[in-house]
Amino acid sequence: MRALLFALILSAPGLEAATLPLPDGVSLLSINGNAAPRNDQPVTLKPGTQVIQLSYTELLTVTPEEHELLRSTPVFLSFIAGEGDYRVRLPELNNSKAIRAFIDEPTFTLLEGKTPHPARQLTETQLMAQMARLLAKDEG
């Protein structure tokens, strides 16, 4: 899978790196098919096409003595990074119903500054199907 992801990655030499801090609860699992660093520092991205894998985790208090750990299915965001600062925005998750709905169908918004930045969100199945189509084109 890594080799296929790298085939999708383009980079533009000579440009400054972009940063991507993540909100609480959002985990970066991979960057362009490589395991993400395990720290809370903003991620540095080289300019060009990026494919990042994200998931969301929330610890809900059911009762004062009972808690429930919820984790979303990982999703991939594909976008073209330039020079700048990006961030991932979550919808309002101010109650357990909203959190559970987001866990079931996570939708991340990528911002460049305060402006939405074009990004395509894919599940692992959608990403694999897209890669299979690209490989079929190359073979045919």
C-alpha atoms as a PDB file:
ATOM      1  CA  MET A   1       0.000   0.000   0.000  1.00  0.00           C
ATOM      2  CA  ARG A   2       2.842   2.408   0.795  1.00  0.00           C
ATOM      3  CA  ALA A   3       4.299   2.041  -2.687  1.00  0.00           C
ATOM      4  CA  LEU A   4       0.921   2.855  -4.209  1.00  0.00           C
ATOM      5  CA  LEU A   5       0.467   5.905  -2.005  1.00  0.00           C
ATOM      6  CA  PHE A   6       3.920   7.152  -2.899  1.00  0.00           C
ATOM      7  CA  ALA A   7       2.973   6.856  -6.572  1.00  0.00           C
ATOM      8  CA  LEU A   8       0.198   9.361  -5.872  1.00  0.00           C
ATOM      9  CA  ILE A   9       2.480  11.817  -4.104  1.00  0.00           C
ATOM     10  CA  LEU A  10       3.896  14.818  -5.932  1.00  0.00           C
ATOM     11  CA  SER A  11       6.214  17.362  -4.436  1.00  0.00           C
ATOM     12  CA  ALA A  12       7.301  20.833  -5.469  1.00  0.00           C
ATOM     13  CA  PRO A  13      10.952  21.546  -4.651  1.00  0.00           C
ATOM     14  CA  GLY A  14      12.084  24.879  -3.300  1.00  0.00           C
ATOM     15  CA  LEU A  15       8.954  25.856  -1.372  1.00  0.00           C
ATOM     16  CA  GLU A  16       8.694  26.333   2.378  1.00  0.00           C
ATOM     17  CA  ALA A  17       7.065  23.662   4.515  1.00  0.00           C
ATOM     18  CA  ALA A  18       3.502  23.958   5.790  1.00  0.00           C
ATOM     19  CA  THR A  19       2.384  23.207   9.338  1.00  0.00           C
ATOM     20  CA  LEU A  20      -0.674  21.294  10.512  1.00  0.00           C
ATOM     21  CA  PRO A  21      -1.582  21.457  14.208  1.00  0.00           C
ATOM     22  CA  LEU A  22      -4.391  19.119  15.258  1.00  0.00           C
ATOM     23  CA  PRO A  23      -7.303  19.772  17.628  1.00  0.00           C
ATOM     24  CA  ASP A  24      -7.793  17.755  20.799  1.00  0.00           C
ATOM     25  CA  GLY A  25      -9.111  14.290  20.108  1.00  0.00           C
ATOM     26  CA  VAL A  26      -7.770  14.114  16.548  1.00  0.00           C
ATOM     27  CA  SER A  27      -4.957  11.642  15.928  1.00  0.00           C
ATOM     28  CA  LEU A  28      -2.716  11.689  12.892  1.00  0.00           C
ATOM     29  CA  LEU A  29      -2.100   8.053  11.982  1.00  0.00           C
ATOM     30  CA  SER A  30      -0.089   8.414   8.790  1.00  0.00           C
ATOM     31  CA  ILE A  31       1.341  10.923   6.341  1.00  0.00           C
ATOM     32  CA  ASN A  32       1.690   9.783   2.740  1.00  0.00           C
ATOM     33  CA  GLY A  33       1.669   6.136   3.803  1.00  0.00           C
ATOM     34  CA  ASN A  34       4.262   6.541   6.558  1.00  0.00           C
ATOM     35  CA  ALA A  35       3.483   6.257  10.257  1.00  0.00           C
ATOM     36  CA  ALA A  36       2.996   9.664  11.826  1.00  0.00           C
ATOM     37  CA  PRO A  37       5.334  10.901  14.552  1.00  0.00           C
ATOM     38  CA  ARG A  38       4.050  10.274  18.083  1.00  0.00           C
ATOM     39  CA  ASN A  39       4.025  13.731  19.620  1.00  0.00           C
ATOM     40  CA  ASP A  40       1.755  16.701  20.125  1.00  0.00           C
ATOM     41  CA  GLN A  41       3.768  19.054  17.951  1.00  0.00           C
ATOM     42  CA  PRO A  42       2.248  20.483  14.757  1.00  0.00           C
ATOM     43  CA  VAL A  43       3.071  18.324  11.746  1.00  0.00           C
ATOM     44  CA  THR A  44       5.359  19.751   9.082  1.00  0.00           C
ATOM     45  CA  LEU A  45       4.278  19.032   5.515  1.00  0.00           C
ATOM     46  CA  LYS A  46       6.326  19.469   2.373  1.00  0.00           C
ATOM     47  CA  PRO A  47       4.599  21.341  -0.449  1.00  0.00           C
ATOM     48  CA  GLY A  48       2.710  19.126  -2.879  1.00  0.00           C
ATOM     49  CA  THR A  49       0.073  16.433  -2.702  1.00  0.00           C
ATOM     50  CA  GLN A  50      -0.529  15.099   0.798  1.00  0.00           C
ATOM     51  CA  VAL A  51      -2.522  12.108   1.983  1.00  0.00           C
ATOM     52  CA  ILE A  52      -3.016  12.120   5.731  1.00  0.00           C
ATOM     53  CA  GLN A  53      -4.914   9.559   7.789  1.00  0.00           C
ATOM     54  CA  LEU A  54      -6.912  10.870  10.757  1.00  0.00           C
ATOM     55  CA  SER A  55      -9.144   9.473  13.457  1.00  0.00           C
ATOM     56  CA  TYR A  56     -11.061  11.006  16.339  1.00  0.00           C
ATOM     57  CA  THR A  57     -11.208   9.704  19.905  1.00  0.00           C
ATOM     58  CA  GLU A  58     -13.438  10.876  22.730  1.00  0.00           C
ATOM     59  CA  LEU A  59     -13.837   9.670  26.311  1.00  0.00           C
ATOM     60  CA  LEU A  60     -17.481  10.138  27.251  1.00  0.00           C
ATOM     61  CA  THR A  61     -18.679  10.216  30.824  1.00  0.00           C
ATOM     62  CA  VAL A  62     -21.742   7.974  30.985  1.00  0.00           C
ATOM     63  CA  THR A  63     -22.100   8.235  34.774  1.00  0.00           C
ATOM     64  CA  PRO A  64     -19.651   9.611  37.326  1.00  0.00           C
ATOM     65  CA  GLU A  65     -18.294   6.064  37.698  1.00  0.00           C
ATOM     66  CA  GLU A  66     -18.610   4.916  34.079  1.00  0.00           C
ATOM     67  CA  HIS A  67     -16.810   6.134  30.987  1.00  0.00           C
ATOM     68  CA  GLU A  68     -16.922   5.059  27.358  1.00  0.00           C
ATOM     69  CA  LEU A  69     -14.035   5.372  24.917  1.00  0.00           C
ATOM     70  CA  LEU A  70     -15.262   6.148  21.396  1.00  0.00           C
ATOM     71  CA  ARG A  71     -13.016   6.053  18.335  1.00  0.00           C
ATOM     72  CA  SER A  72     -13.923   6.902  14.746  1.00  0.00           C
ATOM     73  CA  THR A  73     -12.988   4.835  11.750  1.00  0.00           C
ATOM     74  CA  PRO A  74      -9.821   6.317  10.235  1.00  0.00           C
ATOM     75  CA  VAL A  75     -10.321   8.495   7.178  1.00  0.00           C
ATOM     76  CA  PHE A  76      -7.888   9.913   4.644  1.00  0.00           C
ATOM     77  CA  LEU A  77      -7.666  13.559   3.623  1.00  0.00           C
ATOM     78  CA  SER A  78      -5.984  14.231   0.295  1.00  0.00           C
ATOM     79  CA  PHE A  79      -4.989  17.788  -0.522  1.00  0.00           C
ATOM     80  CA  ILE A  80      -2.311  19.905  -2.118  1.00  0.00           C
ATOM     81  CA  ALA A  81      -0.228  21.755   0.453  1.00  0.00           C
ATOM     82  CA  GLY A  82       1.533  24.970  -0.354  1.00  0.00           C
ATOM     83  CA  GLU A  83       3.359  27.374   1.899  1.00  0.00           C
ATOM     84  CA  GLY A  84       1.137  28.121   4.810  1.00  0.00           C
ATOM     85  CA  ASP A  85      -0.493  27.033   7.981  1.00  0.00           C
ATOM     86  CA  TYR A  86      -3.300  24.534   7.843  1.00  0.00           C
ATOM     87  CA  ARG A  87      -5.555  23.183  10.535  1.00  0.00           C
ATOM     88  CA  VAL A  88      -8.251  20.593  10.873  1.00  0.00           C
ATOM     89  CA  ARG A  89     -11.626  21.831  12.065  1.00  0.00           C
ATOM     90  CA  LEU A  90     -14.218  19.656  13.741  1.00  0.00           C
ATOM     91  CA  PRO A  91     -17.944  20.317  13.819  1.00  0.00           C
ATOM     92  CA  GLU A  92     -19.520  21.423  17.095  1.00  0.00           C
ATOM     93  CA  LEU A  93     -19.267  18.394  19.384  1.00  0.00           C
ATOM     94  CA  ASN A  94     -20.968  19.785  22.462  1.00  0.00           C
ATOM     95  CA  ASN A  95     -23.078  16.788  23.501  1.00  0.00           C
ATOM     96  CA  SER A  96     -22.938  12.995  23.408  1.00  0.00           C
ATOM     97  CA  LYS A  97     -25.399  12.771  20.500  1.00  0.00           C
ATOM     98  CA  ALA A  98     -23.218  15.010  18.304  1.00  0.00           C
ATOM     99  CA  ILE A  99     -20.078  13.129  19.350  1.00  0.00           C
ATOM    100  CA  ARG A 100     -21.620   9.731  18.561  1.00  0.00           C
ATOM    101  CA  ALA A 101     -22.841  10.972  15.167  1.00  0.00           C
ATOM    102  CA  PHE A 102     -19.352  12.254  14.361  1.00  0.00           C
ATOM    103  CA  ILE A 103     -17.738   8.997  15.508  1.00  0.00           C
ATOM    104  CA  ASP A 104     -20.060   7.082  13.159  1.00  0.00           C
ATOM    105  CA  GLU A 105     -19.363   9.359  10.185  1.00  0.00           C
ATOM    106  CA  PRO A 106     -16.384  11.617  10.781  1.00  0.00           C
ATOM    107  CA  THR A 107     -16.082  14.633   8.503  1.00  0.00           C
ATOM    108  CA  PHE A 108     -12.994  16.778   8.909  1.00  0.00           C
ATOM    109  CA  THR A 109     -12.676  20.240   7.387  1.00  0.00           C
ATOM    110  CA  LEU A 110      -9.240  21.433   6.319  1.00  0.00           C
ATOM    111  CA  LEU A 111      -8.569  25.149   6.719  1.00  0.00           C
ATOM    112  CA  GLU A 112      -5.752  27.296   5.413  1.00  0.00           C
ATOM    113  CA  GLY A 113      -5.759  30.124   7.899  1.00  0.00           C
ATOM    114  CA  LYS A 114      -9.489  30.730   8.371  1.00  0.00           C
ATOM    115  CA  THR A 115     -10.473  29.709   4.838  1.00  0.00           C
ATOM    116  CA  PRO A 116     -11.601  26.204   3.848  1.00  0.00           C
ATOM    117  CA  HIS A 117      -8.904  24.516   1.767  1.00  0.00           C
ATOM    118  CA  PRO A 118      -9.879  22.009  -0.954  1.00  0.00           C
ATOM    119  CA  ALA A 119      -9.463  18.492   0.368  1.00  0.00           C
ATOM    120  CA  ARG A 120     -10.949  15.166  -0.555  1.00  0.00           C
ATOM    121  CA  GLN A 121     -11.972  12.879   2.286  1.00  0.00           C
ATOM    122  CA  LEU A 122     -11.838   9.143   1.616  1.00  0.00           C
ATOM    123  CA  THR A 123     -12.386   5.994   3.608  1.00  0.00           C
ATOM    124  CA  GLU A 124      -9.800   3.247   3.281  1.00  0.00           C
ATOM    125  CA  THR A 125     -12.135   1.360   0.923  1.00  0.00           C
ATOM    126  CA  GLN A 126     -12.605   4.429  -1.286  1.00  0.00           C
ATOM    127  CA  LEU A 127      -8.861   5.061  -1.361  1.00  0.00           C
ATOM    128  CA  MET A 128      -8.131   1.454  -2.358  1.00  0.00           C
ATOM    129  CA  ALA A 129     -10.783   1.597  -5.112  1.00  0.00           C
ATOM    130  CA  GLN A 130      -9.286   4.819  -6.467  1.00  0.00           C
ATOM    131  CA  MET A 131      -5.805   3.290  -6.477  1.00  0.00           C
ATOM    132  CA  ALA A 132      -7.113   0.162  -8.230  1.00  0.00           C
ATOM    133  CA  ARG A 133      -8.646   2.345 -10.959  1.00  0.00           C
ATOM    134  CA  LEU A 134      -5.346   4.171 -11.400  1.00  0.00           C
ATOM    135  CA  LEU A 135      -3.448   0.890 -11.669  1.00  0.00           C
ATOM    136  CA  ALA A 136      -5.972  -0.472 -14.167  1.00  0.00           C
ATOM    137  CA  LYS A 137      -5.479   2.652 -16.315  1.00  0.00           C
ATOM    138  CA  ASP A 138      -1.707   2.175 -16.249  1.00  0.00           C
ATOM    139  CA  GLU A 139      -2.009  -1.491 -17.256  1.00  0.00           C
ATOM    140  CA  GLY A 140      -4.579  -0.911 -19.987  1.00  0.00           C
END
